[in-house]
Amino acid sequence: MQVRELMSEKDSASPQIVSPDIIARAQRGEREAVTQLFGDHLGTVHRFALRMCRDEDRARDIAQESLLTALKSLDSFRGDASFSTWLFTITRSHCGRLRRRSERESVSEDGDVVTDNAASEEPLPDALAAHGEVTSVVEQALDALDPEEREVVLLRDVEGLSTKEAADALQISVAALKSRLHRARSSLREAVRRVVEPTEFIDQFTDPGCPPIIEAFSKKLEGDLSVADCDSFQQHIASCPACAQRCASIQAVLGACATLRTHPPSTNLQTIIDRTALAIRKQASTE
């Protein structure tokens, strides 16, 4: 089995490249440029906020606050990072403040911790097609991840930022990002394995001679395996059906993540986009 190269630095789907001219015009206060620049990123910012805070109303507020913050700070953007990376950094900051405030509010006056039931525990309908089922499982598993792991998957595997761009957006080292990413991918794979792996492989004990295949596969995607190690990896999965199937399951996870990026906006999301665009136009007209 030849493992398909998903989400590698070379062929990863990149976020939209913003013309420096559009940014310069927006910085000069040209309303048309401001509307185009921020309008092109509204859906992306909202999607990231929604996945991080898991609440539609809060995501709407965060998206609007983040974009307005970016608009007010636009003169400070110097292009050291991509515009998308800069926006994600701002949005993440707003998400973090909301999360910390929510954590404080989750403890009631008598000290009892209020359980967060945002992630659905309802079973998936049996009628779901295999691909749709994997995507649904991945969505639920994303909600269950630790926020630090969720955000790296959202930026790297859903939004398609490069490893360096994602690390810059999160203001962490590339090494730290990769460490979180490998753990998160392993967790997501564990959540979907019963959907995509044949029954005979599910409970099969890994042979002591098998490498930590999921971690190795994730490292391969990030370009962190040497040529020799990569050859050994390919030879192993060609001779080990269980490990080949495990790699197929992580490929299914990454495919589902990419699908999340292309989901068409719902009517509700389009309403949010329109409202935020209006707020940005009003703000721009006062500058």
C-alpha atoms as a PDB file:
ATOM      1  CA  MET A   1       0.000   0.000   0.000  1.00  0.00           C
ATOM      2  CA  GLN A   2       1.438   3.350  -1.059  1.00  0.00           C
ATOM      3  CA  VAL A   3       0.389   5.952   1.492  1.00  0.00           C
ATOM      4  CA  ARG A   4      -1.155   9.007  -0.095  1.00  0.00           C
ATOM      5  CA  GLU A   5       0.475  12.332   0.850  1.00  0.00           C
ATOM      6  CA  LEU A   6      -2.238  14.289   2.616  1.00  0.00           C
ATOM      7  CA  MET A   7      -1.660  17.751   4.095  1.00  0.00           C
ATOM      8  CA  SER A   8       2.070  17.792   3.511  1.00  0.00           C
ATOM      9  CA  GLU A   9       3.873  21.116   3.387  1.00  0.00           C
ATOM     10  CA  LYS A  10       4.205  20.707  -0.371  1.00  0.00           C
ATOM     11  CA  ASP A  11       0.617  19.978  -1.355  1.00  0.00           C
ATOM     12  CA  SER A  12      -1.446  21.296   1.552  1.00  0.00           C
ATOM     13  CA  ALA A  13      -4.360  23.494   0.528  1.00  0.00           C
ATOM     14  CA  SER A  14      -3.245  26.983   1.421  1.00  0.00           C
ATOM     15  CA  PRO A  15      -5.423  29.792   2.709  1.00  0.00           C
ATOM     16  CA  GLN A  16      -6.289  32.538   0.285  1.00  0.00           C
ATOM     17  CA  ILE A  17      -3.330  34.741  -0.615  1.00  0.00           C
ATOM     18  CA  VAL A  18      -4.176  38.400  -0.074  1.00  0.00           C
ATOM     19  CA  SER A  19      -2.865  40.970  -2.511  1.00  0.00           C
ATOM     20  CA  PRO A  20      -0.538  43.509  -0.843  1.00  0.00           C
ATOM     21  CA  ASP A  21      -2.341  46.164  -2.870  1.00  0.00           C
ATOM     22  CA  ILE A  22      -5.678  45.311  -1.228  1.00  0.00           C
ATOM     23  CA  ILE A  23      -4.082  45.536   2.216  1.00  0.00           C
ATOM     24  CA  ALA A  24      -2.407  48.851   1.396  1.00  0.00           C
ATOM     25  CA  ARG A  25      -5.664  50.299   0.094  1.00  0.00           C
ATOM     26  CA  ALA A  26      -7.535  49.071   3.166  1.00  0.00           C
ATOM     27  CA  GLN A  27      -4.901  50.641   5.402  1.00  0.00           C
ATOM     28  CA  ARG A  28      -5.524  53.934   3.607  1.00  0.00           C
ATOM     29  CA  GLY A  29      -9.188  53.606   4.537  1.00  0.00           C
ATOM     30  CA  GLU A  30     -10.671  52.777   1.128  1.00  0.00           C
ATOM     31  CA  ARG A  31     -14.070  51.288   1.967  1.00  0.00           C
ATOM     32  CA  GLU A  32     -14.219  48.981  -1.054  1.00  0.00           C
ATOM     33  CA  ALA A  33     -10.853  47.446  -0.157  1.00  0.00           C
ATOM     34  CA  VAL A  34     -11.821  47.105   3.519  1.00  0.00           C
ATOM     35  CA  THR A  35     -15.068  45.365   2.595  1.00  0.00           C
ATOM     36  CA  GLN A  36     -13.300  42.989   0.202  1.00  0.00           C
ATOM     37  CA  LEU A  37     -10.411  42.226   2.558  1.00  0.00           C
ATOM     38  CA  PHE A  38     -12.516  41.399   5.585  1.00  0.00           C
ATOM     39  CA  GLY A  39     -15.453  39.982   3.652  1.00  0.00           C
ATOM     40  CA  ASP A  40     -13.182  37.327   2.165  1.00  0.00           C
ATOM     41  CA  HIS A  41     -12.230  36.155   5.681  1.00  0.00           C
ATOM     42  CA  LEU A  42     -15.545  36.366   7.552  1.00  0.00           C
ATOM     43  CA  GLY A  43     -16.515  32.746   6.997  1.00  0.00           C
ATOM     44  CA  THR A  44     -13.070  31.454   7.963  1.00  0.00           C
ATOM     45  CA  VAL A  45     -12.927  33.496  11.170  1.00  0.00           C
ATOM     46  CA  HIS A  46     -16.441  32.462  12.167  1.00  0.00           C
ATOM     47  CA  ARG A  47     -15.720  28.793  11.439  1.00  0.00           C
ATOM     48  CA  PHE A  48     -12.622  28.862  13.644  1.00  0.00           C
ATOM     49  CA  ALA A  49     -14.487  30.682  16.442  1.00  0.00           C
ATOM     50  CA  LEU A  50     -17.398  28.254  16.263  1.00  0.00           C
ATOM     51  CA  ARG A  51     -15.153  25.194  16.483  1.00  0.00           C
ATOM     52  CA  MET A  52     -13.252  26.684  19.406  1.00  0.00           C
ATOM     53  CA  CYS A  53     -16.136  27.944  21.549  1.00  0.00           C
ATOM     54  CA  ARG A  54     -18.822  25.500  20.311  1.00  0.00           C
ATOM     55  CA  ASP A  55     -21.619  28.024  20.654  1.00  0.00           C
ATOM     56  CA  GLU A  56     -23.283  29.808  17.735  1.00  0.00           C
ATOM     57  CA  ASP A  57     -24.066  33.051  19.565  1.00  0.00           C
ATOM     58  CA  ARG A  58     -20.605  33.297  21.094  1.00  0.00           C
ATOM     59  CA  ALA A  59     -18.967  32.490  17.759  1.00  0.00           C
ATOM     60  CA  ARG A  60     -20.917  35.293  16.117  1.00  0.00           C
ATOM     61  CA  ASP A  61     -19.773  37.745  18.773  1.00  0.00           C
ATOM     62  CA  ILE A  62     -16.158  36.558  18.613  1.00  0.00           C
ATOM     63  CA  ALA A  63     -16.072  36.772  14.811  1.00  0.00           C
ATOM     64  CA  GLN A  64     -17.398  40.305  14.851  1.00  0.00           C
ATOM     65  CA  GLU A  65     -15.145  41.426  17.715  1.00  0.00           C
ATOM     66  CA  SER A  66     -12.092  39.829  16.103  1.00  0.00           C
ATOM     67  CA  LEU A  67     -12.639  41.445  12.732  1.00  0.00           C
ATOM     68  CA  LEU A  68     -13.360  44.834  14.260  1.00  0.00           C
ATOM     69  CA  THR A  69     -10.199  44.514  16.364  1.00  0.00           C
ATOM     70  CA  ALA A  70      -8.275  43.685  13.197  1.00  0.00           C
ATOM     71  CA  LEU A  71      -9.793  46.668  11.423  1.00  0.00           C
ATOM     72  CA  LYS A  72      -8.810  49.035  14.225  1.00  0.00           C
ATOM     73  CA  SER A  73      -5.295  47.553  14.261  1.00  0.00           C
ATOM     74  CA  LEU A  74      -4.889  47.325  10.502  1.00  0.00           C
ATOM     75  CA  ASP A  75      -2.195  50.012  10.414  1.00  0.00           C
ATOM     76  CA  SER A  76      -0.036  47.786  12.630  1.00  0.00           C
ATOM     77  CA  PHE A  77      -0.072  44.923  10.102  1.00  0.00           C
ATOM     78  CA  ARG A  78       3.353  44.860   8.451  1.00  0.00           C
ATOM     79  CA  GLY A  79       3.211  41.573   6.583  1.00  0.00           C
ATOM     80  CA  ASP A  80       5.661  39.697   8.817  1.00  0.00           C
ATOM     81  CA  ALA A  81       3.090  36.877   8.749  1.00  0.00           C
ATOM     82  CA  SER A  82       0.284  36.240   6.273  1.00  0.00           C
ATOM     83  CA  PHE A  83      -2.929  38.197   6.737  1.00  0.00           C
ATOM     84  CA  SER A  84      -4.773  34.959   7.568  1.00  0.00           C
ATOM     85  CA  THR A  85      -2.222  34.089  10.252  1.00  0.00           C
ATOM     86  CA  TRP A  86      -2.575  37.565  11.748  1.00  0.00           C
ATOM     87  CA  LEU A  87      -6.371  37.238  11.813  1.00  0.00           C
ATOM     88  CA  PHE A  88      -6.234  33.802  13.427  1.00  0.00           C
ATOM     89  CA  THR A  89      -3.952  35.190  16.149  1.00  0.00           C
ATOM     90  CA  ILE A  90      -6.495  37.900  16.950  1.00  0.00           C
ATOM     91  CA  THR A  91      -9.426  35.477  16.855  1.00  0.00           C
ATOM     92  CA  ARG A  92      -7.623  33.000  19.074  1.00  0.00           C
ATOM     93  CA  SER A  93      -6.985  35.772  21.599  1.00  0.00           C
ATOM     94  CA  HIS A  94     -10.699  36.581  21.751  1.00  0.00           C
ATOM     95  CA  CYS A  95     -11.551  32.867  22.054  1.00  0.00           C
ATOM     96  CA  GLY A  96      -9.058  32.495  24.900  1.00  0.00           C
ATOM     97  CA  ARG A  97     -10.529  35.408  26.828  1.00  0.00           C
ATOM     98  CA  LEU A  98     -14.008  33.973  26.420  1.00  0.00           C
ATOM     99  CA  ARG A  99     -12.843  30.530  27.520  1.00  0.00           C
ATOM    100  CA  ARG A 100     -11.171  31.888  30.649  1.00  0.00           C
ATOM    101  CA  ARG A 101     -14.259  33.905  31.499  1.00  0.00           C
ATOM    102  CA  SER A 102     -16.473  30.860  30.944  1.00  0.00           C
ATOM    103  CA  GLU A 103     -14.238  28.732  33.168  1.00  0.00           C
ATOM    104  CA  ARG A 104     -14.623  31.259  35.975  1.00  0.00           C
ATOM    105  CA  GLU A 105     -18.376  31.394  35.480  1.00  0.00           C
ATOM    106  CA  SER A 106     -18.641  27.590  35.378  1.00  0.00           C
ATOM    107  CA  VAL A 107     -18.027  27.440  39.124  1.00  0.00           C
ATOM    108  CA  SER A 108     -21.223  28.294  40.982  1.00  0.00           C
ATOM    109  CA  GLU A 109     -21.361  30.372  44.153  1.00  0.00           C
ATOM    110  CA  ASP A 110     -21.303  27.292  46.381  1.00  0.00           C
ATOM    111  CA  GLY A 111     -18.215  25.977  44.600  1.00  0.00           C
ATOM    112  CA  ASP A 112     -19.871  23.239  42.550  1.00  0.00           C
ATOM    113  CA  VAL A 113     -18.475  22.841  39.054  1.00  0.00           C
ATOM    114  CA  VAL A 114     -21.051  23.139  36.293  1.00  0.00           C
ATOM    115  CA  THR A 115     -20.567  20.462  33.644  1.00  0.00           C
ATOM    116  CA  ASP A 116     -20.095  21.619  30.064  1.00  0.00           C
ATOM    117  CA  ASN A 117     -22.452  19.584  27.903  1.00  0.00           C
ATOM    118  CA  ALA A 118     -21.724  21.408  24.676  1.00  0.00           C
ATOM    119  CA  ALA A 119     -20.418  18.313  22.919  1.00  0.00           C
ATOM    120  CA  SER A 120     -23.239  16.056  21.817  1.00  0.00           C
ATOM    121  CA  GLU A 121     -23.253  12.486  23.060  1.00  0.00           C
ATOM    122  CA  GLU A 122     -26.081  11.380  20.797  1.00  0.00           C
ATOM    123  CA  PRO A 123     -25.246   8.318  18.674  1.00  0.00           C
ATOM    124  CA  LEU A 124     -24.816   8.874  14.979  1.00  0.00           C
ATOM    125  CA  PRO A 125     -27.705   7.664  12.762  1.00  0.00           C
ATOM    126  CA  ASP A 126     -27.018   4.295  11.163  1.00  0.00           C
ATOM    127  CA  ALA A 127     -28.259   5.648   7.848  1.00  0.00           C
ATOM    128  CA  LEU A 128     -25.298   8.004   7.479  1.00  0.00           C
ATOM    129  CA  ALA A 129     -23.101   7.210   4.507  1.00  0.00           C
ATOM    130  CA  ALA A 130     -19.552   6.179   5.400  1.00  0.00           C
ATOM    131  CA  HIS A 131     -17.936   9.481   4.453  1.00  0.00           C
ATOM    132  CA  GLY A 132     -20.641  11.543   6.085  1.00  0.00           C
ATOM    133  CA  GLU A 133     -20.397   9.388   9.175  1.00  0.00           C
ATOM    134  CA  VAL A 134     -16.639   9.882   9.434  1.00  0.00           C
ATOM    135  CA  THR A 135     -17.077  13.643   9.091  1.00  0.00           C
ATOM    136  CA  SER A 136     -19.744  13.649  11.800  1.00  0.00           C
ATOM    137  CA  VAL A 137     -17.541  11.601  14.120  1.00  0.00           C
ATOM    138  CA  VAL A 138     -14.597  13.925  13.483  1.00  0.00           C
ATOM    139  CA  GLU A 139     -16.761  16.958  14.267  1.00  0.00           C
ATOM    140  CA  GLN A 140     -17.785  15.425  17.598  1.00  0.00           C
ATOM    141  CA  ALA A 141     -14.228  14.333  18.349  1.00  0.00           C
ATOM    142  CA  LEU A 142     -12.936  17.843  17.625  1.00  0.00           C
ATOM    143  CA  ASP A 143     -15.348  19.220  20.208  1.00  0.00           C
ATOM    144  CA  ALA A 144     -13.993  16.741  22.758  1.00  0.00           C
ATOM    145  CA  LEU A 145     -10.331  17.654  22.229  1.00  0.00           C
ATOM    146  CA  ASP A 146      -8.439  19.855  24.635  1.00  0.00           C
ATOM    147  CA  PRO A 147      -8.606  23.445  23.290  1.00  0.00           C
ATOM    148  CA  GLU A 148      -4.839  23.508  22.684  1.00  0.00           C
ATOM    149  CA  GLU A 149      -5.064  20.391  20.536  1.00  0.00           C
ATOM    150  CA  ARG A 150      -8.293  21.464  18.834  1.00  0.00           C
ATOM    151  CA  GLU A 151      -6.841  24.752  17.632  1.00  0.00           C
ATOM    152  CA  VAL A 152      -3.804  23.133  15.994  1.00  0.00           C
ATOM    153  CA  VAL A 153      -6.039  20.740  14.041  1.00  0.00           C
ATOM    154  CA  LEU A 154      -8.337  23.583  13.012  1.00  0.00           C
ATOM    155  CA  LEU A 155      -5.483  25.699  11.707  1.00  0.00           C
ATOM    156  CA  ARG A 156      -3.346  22.946  10.154  1.00  0.00           C
ATOM    157  CA  ASP A 157      -5.775  20.283   8.946  1.00  0.00           C
ATOM    158  CA  VAL A 158      -9.038  22.207   8.504  1.00  0.00           C
ATOM    159  CA  GLU A 159      -7.930  25.678   7.404  1.00  0.00           C
ATOM    160  CA  GLY A 160      -4.800  24.460   5.620  1.00  0.00           C
ATOM    161  CA  LEU A 161      -2.196  26.749   7.166  1.00  0.00           C
ATOM    162  CA  SER A 162       1.394  25.594   6.889  1.00  0.00           C
ATOM    163  CA  THR A 163       3.079  24.357  10.051  1.00  0.00           C
ATOM    164  CA  LYS A 164       4.998  27.638  10.349  1.00  0.00           C
ATOM    165  CA  GLU A 165       1.882  29.757   9.779  1.00  0.00           C
ATOM    166  CA  ALA A 166      -0.106  27.800  12.362  1.00  0.00           C
ATOM    167  CA  ALA A 167       2.710  28.073  14.899  1.00  0.00           C
ATOM    168  CA  ASP A 168       2.929  31.820  14.279  1.00  0.00           C
ATOM    169  CA  ALA A 169      -0.832  32.221  14.704  1.00  0.00           C
ATOM    170  CA  LEU A 170      -0.731  30.366  18.027  1.00  0.00           C
ATOM    171  CA  GLN A 171       2.506  32.091  19.060  1.00  0.00           C
ATOM    172  CA  ILE A 172       4.235  28.800  19.856  1.00  0.00           C
ATOM    173  CA  SER A 173       7.270  27.042  18.421  1.00  0.00           C
ATOM    174  CA  VAL A 174       6.982  24.763  15.404  1.00  0.00           C
ATOM    175  CA  ALA A 175       8.169  21.872  17.592  1.00  0.00           C
ATOM    176  CA  ALA A 176       5.409  22.519  20.136  1.00  0.00           C
ATOM    177  CA  LEU A 177       2.805  22.728  17.396  1.00  0.00           C
ATOM    178  CA  LYS A 178       3.906  19.441  15.848  1.00  0.00           C
ATOM    179  CA  SER A 179       3.828  17.714  19.230  1.00  0.00           C
ATOM    180  CA  ARG A 180       0.242  18.845  19.825  1.00  0.00           C
ATOM    181  CA  LEU A 181      -0.721  18.000  16.256  1.00  0.00           C
ATOM    182  CA  HIS A 182       0.539  14.422  16.485  1.00  0.00           C
ATOM    183  CA  ARG A 183      -1.389  13.877  19.745  1.00  0.00           C
ATOM    184  CA  ALA A 184      -4.547  15.422  18.342  1.00  0.00           C
ATOM    185  CA  ARG A 185      -4.454  13.391  15.134  1.00  0.00           C
ATOM    186  CA  SER A 186      -4.001  10.223  17.157  1.00  0.00           C
ATOM    187  CA  SER A 187      -7.028  11.101  19.294  1.00  0.00           C
ATOM    188  CA  LEU A 188      -9.174  11.813  16.240  1.00  0.00           C
ATOM    189  CA  ARG A 189      -8.088   8.584  14.600  1.00  0.00           C
ATOM    190  CA  GLU A 190      -9.047   6.655  17.729  1.00  0.00           C
ATOM    191  CA  ALA A 191     -12.520   8.209  17.560  1.00  0.00           C
ATOM    192  CA  VAL A 192     -13.165   7.170  13.955  1.00  0.00           C
ATOM    193  CA  ARG A 193     -11.406   3.811  13.789  1.00  0.00           C
ATOM    194  CA  ARG A 194     -14.565   1.799  14.439  1.00  0.00           C
ATOM    195  CA  VAL A 195     -16.203   3.518  11.504  1.00  0.00           C
ATOM    196  CA  VAL A 196     -13.457   3.006   8.927  1.00  0.00           C
ATOM    197  CA  GLU A 197     -11.474  -0.038  10.090  1.00  0.00           C
ATOM    198  CA  PRO A 198     -12.776  -3.539   9.351  1.00  0.00           C
ATOM    199  CA  THR A 199     -13.867  -5.485  12.427  1.00  0.00           C
ATOM    200  CA  GLU A 200     -10.998  -7.954  12.194  1.00  0.00           C
ATOM    201  CA  PHE A 201      -8.493  -5.129  12.721  1.00  0.00           C
ATOM    202  CA  ILE A 202     -10.245  -3.162  15.454  1.00  0.00           C
ATOM    203  CA  ASP A 203      -9.204  -5.223  18.429  1.00  0.00           C
ATOM    204  CA  GLN A 204      -6.042  -6.678  16.946  1.00  0.00           C
ATOM    205  CA  PHE A 205      -3.076  -6.280  19.273  1.00  0.00           C
ATOM    206  CA  THR A 206      -0.197  -4.434  17.679  1.00  0.00           C
ATOM    207  CA  ASP A 207       2.765  -6.689  17.050  1.00  0.00           C
ATOM    208  CA  PRO A 208       5.747  -5.743  19.258  1.00  0.00           C
ATOM    209  CA  GLY A 209       7.731  -5.254  16.080  1.00  0.00           C
ATOM    210  CA  CYS A 210       5.327  -2.626  14.722  1.00  0.00           C
ATOM    211  CA  PRO A 211       6.448   0.994  15.044  1.00  0.00           C
ATOM    212  CA  PRO A 212       4.115   3.637  16.548  1.00  0.00           C
ATOM    213  CA  ILE A 213       2.527   3.880  13.134  1.00  0.00           C
ATOM    214  CA  ILE A 214       0.079   6.755  13.681  1.00  0.00           C
ATOM    215  CA  GLU A 215       2.783   9.015  15.096  1.00  0.00           C
ATOM    216  CA  ALA A 216       5.130   7.987  12.282  1.00  0.00           C
ATOM    217  CA  PHE A 217       2.474   8.697   9.676  1.00  0.00           C
ATOM    218  CA  SER A 218       1.744  12.120  11.156  1.00  0.00           C
ATOM    219  CA  LYS A 219       5.462  12.934  11.177  1.00  0.00           C
ATOM    220  CA  LYS A 220       5.695  11.796   7.565  1.00  0.00           C
ATOM    221  CA  LEU A 221       2.961  14.242   6.618  1.00  0.00           C
ATOM    222  CA  GLU A 222       4.919  17.051   8.264  1.00  0.00           C
ATOM    223  CA  GLY A 223       8.141  16.098   6.481  1.00  0.00           C
ATOM    224  CA  ASP A 224       9.836  14.922   9.675  1.00  0.00           C
ATOM    225  CA  LEU A 225      10.894  11.441   8.528  1.00  0.00           C
ATOM    226  CA  SER A 226      14.279  10.943   6.914  1.00  0.00           C
ATOM    227  CA  VAL A 227      14.443   9.266   3.516  1.00  0.00           C
ATOM    228  CA  ALA A 228      15.612   6.037   5.157  1.00  0.00           C
ATOM    229  CA  ASP A 229      12.869   6.131   7.803  1.00  0.00           C
ATOM    230  CA  CYS A 230      10.297   6.932   5.144  1.00  0.00           C
ATOM    231  CA  ASP A 231      11.397   3.918   3.096  1.00  0.00           C
ATOM    232  CA  SER A 232      11.194   1.706   6.188  1.00  0.00           C
ATOM    233  CA  PHE A 233       7.738   3.092   6.920  1.00  0.00           C
ATOM    234  CA  GLN A 234       6.495   2.287   3.413  1.00  0.00           C
ATOM    235  CA  GLN A 235       7.984  -1.202   3.521  1.00  0.00           C
ATOM    236  CA  HIS A 236       6.362  -1.910   6.875  1.00  0.00           C
ATOM    237  CA  ILE A 237       2.840  -0.884   5.915  1.00  0.00           C
ATOM    238  CA  ALA A 238       3.200  -2.809   2.654  1.00  0.00           C
ATOM    239  CA  SER A 239       3.729  -5.979   4.688  1.00  0.00           C
ATOM    240  CA  CYS A 240       1.437  -5.256   7.674  1.00  0.00           C
ATOM    241  CA  PRO A 241      -2.300  -5.115   6.858  1.00  0.00           C
ATOM    242  CA  ALA A 242      -3.171  -3.879  10.358  1.00  0.00           C
ATOM    243  CA  CYS A 243      -0.821  -0.891  10.173  1.00  0.00           C
ATOM    244  CA  ALA A 244      -1.889  -0.169   6.599  1.00  0.00           C
ATOM    245  CA  GLN A 245      -5.472  -0.011   7.829  1.00  0.00           C
ATOM    246  CA  ARG A 246      -4.483   2.298  10.674  1.00  0.00           C
ATOM    247  CA  CYS A 247      -2.905   4.650   8.144  1.00  0.00           C
ATOM    248  CA  ALA A 248      -6.087   4.525   6.086  1.00  0.00           C
ATOM    249  CA  SER A 249      -8.061   5.603   9.139  1.00  0.00           C
ATOM    250  CA  ILE A 250      -5.884   8.654   9.763  1.00  0.00           C
ATOM    251  CA  GLN A 251      -6.215   9.512   6.066  1.00  0.00           C
ATOM    252  CA  ALA A 252      -9.983   9.385   6.542  1.00  0.00           C
ATOM    253  CA  VAL A 253      -9.644  11.778   9.480  1.00  0.00           C
ATOM    254  CA  LEU A 254      -7.618  14.269   7.431  1.00  0.00           C
ATOM    255  CA  GLY A 255     -10.024  13.965   4.523  1.00  0.00           C
ATOM    256  CA  ALA A 256     -12.920  14.755   6.856  1.00  0.00           C
ATOM    257  CA  CYS A 257     -11.026  17.759   8.240  1.00  0.00           C
ATOM    258  CA  ALA A 258     -10.528  19.094   4.725  1.00  0.00           C
ATOM    259  CA  THR A 259     -14.239  18.602   4.068  1.00  0.00           C
ATOM    260  CA  LEU A 260     -15.106  20.777   7.060  1.00  0.00           C
ATOM    261  CA  ARG A 261     -13.328  23.669   5.383  1.00  0.00           C
ATOM    262  CA  THR A 262     -15.503  23.423   2.271  1.00  0.00           C
ATOM    263  CA  HIS A 263     -18.884  23.085   3.986  1.00  0.00           C
ATOM    264  CA  PRO A 264     -21.244  25.675   2.454  1.00  0.00           C
ATOM    265  CA  PRO A 265     -22.386  28.341   4.910  1.00  0.00           C
ATOM    266  CA  SER A 266     -25.758  27.741   6.498  1.00  0.00           C
ATOM    267  CA  THR A 267     -28.493  30.364   6.371  1.00  0.00           C
ATOM    268  CA  ASN A 268     -27.606  31.255   9.944  1.00  0.00           C
ATOM    269  CA  LEU A 269     -23.930  31.688   9.096  1.00  0.00           C
ATOM    270  CA  GLN A 270     -24.769  33.825   6.079  1.00  0.00           C
ATOM    271  CA  THR A 271     -26.829  36.067   8.357  1.00  0.00           C
ATOM    272  CA  ILE A 272     -23.848  36.381  10.700  1.00  0.00           C
ATOM    273  CA  ILE A 273     -21.571  37.190   7.782  1.00  0.00           C
ATOM    274  CA  ASP A 274     -23.941  39.884   6.537  1.00  0.00           C
ATOM    275  CA  ARG A 275     -24.267  41.427  10.003  1.00  0.00           C
ATOM    276  CA  THR A 276     -20.524  41.450  10.564  1.00  0.00           C
ATOM    277  CA  ALA A 277     -19.868  42.916   7.124  1.00  0.00           C
ATOM    278  CA  LEU A 278     -22.313  45.713   7.916  1.00  0.00           C
ATOM    279  CA  ALA A 279     -20.551  46.414  11.224  1.00  0.00           C
ATOM    280  CA  ILE A 280     -17.192  46.536   9.450  1.00  0.00           C
ATOM    281  CA  ARG A 281     -18.502  48.941   6.813  1.00  0.00           C
ATOM    282  CA  LYS A 282     -19.912  51.203   9.522  1.00  0.00           C
ATOM    283  CA  GLN A 283     -16.626  51.106  11.428  1.00  0.00           C
ATOM    284  CA  ALA A 284     -14.642  51.817   8.273  1.00  0.00           C
ATOM    285  CA  SER A 285     -16.812  54.812   7.426  1.00  0.00           C
ATOM    286  CA  THR A 286     -15.944  56.443  10.758  1.00  0.00           C
ATOM    287  CA  GLU A 287     -12.188  56.055  10.329  1.00  0.00           C
END
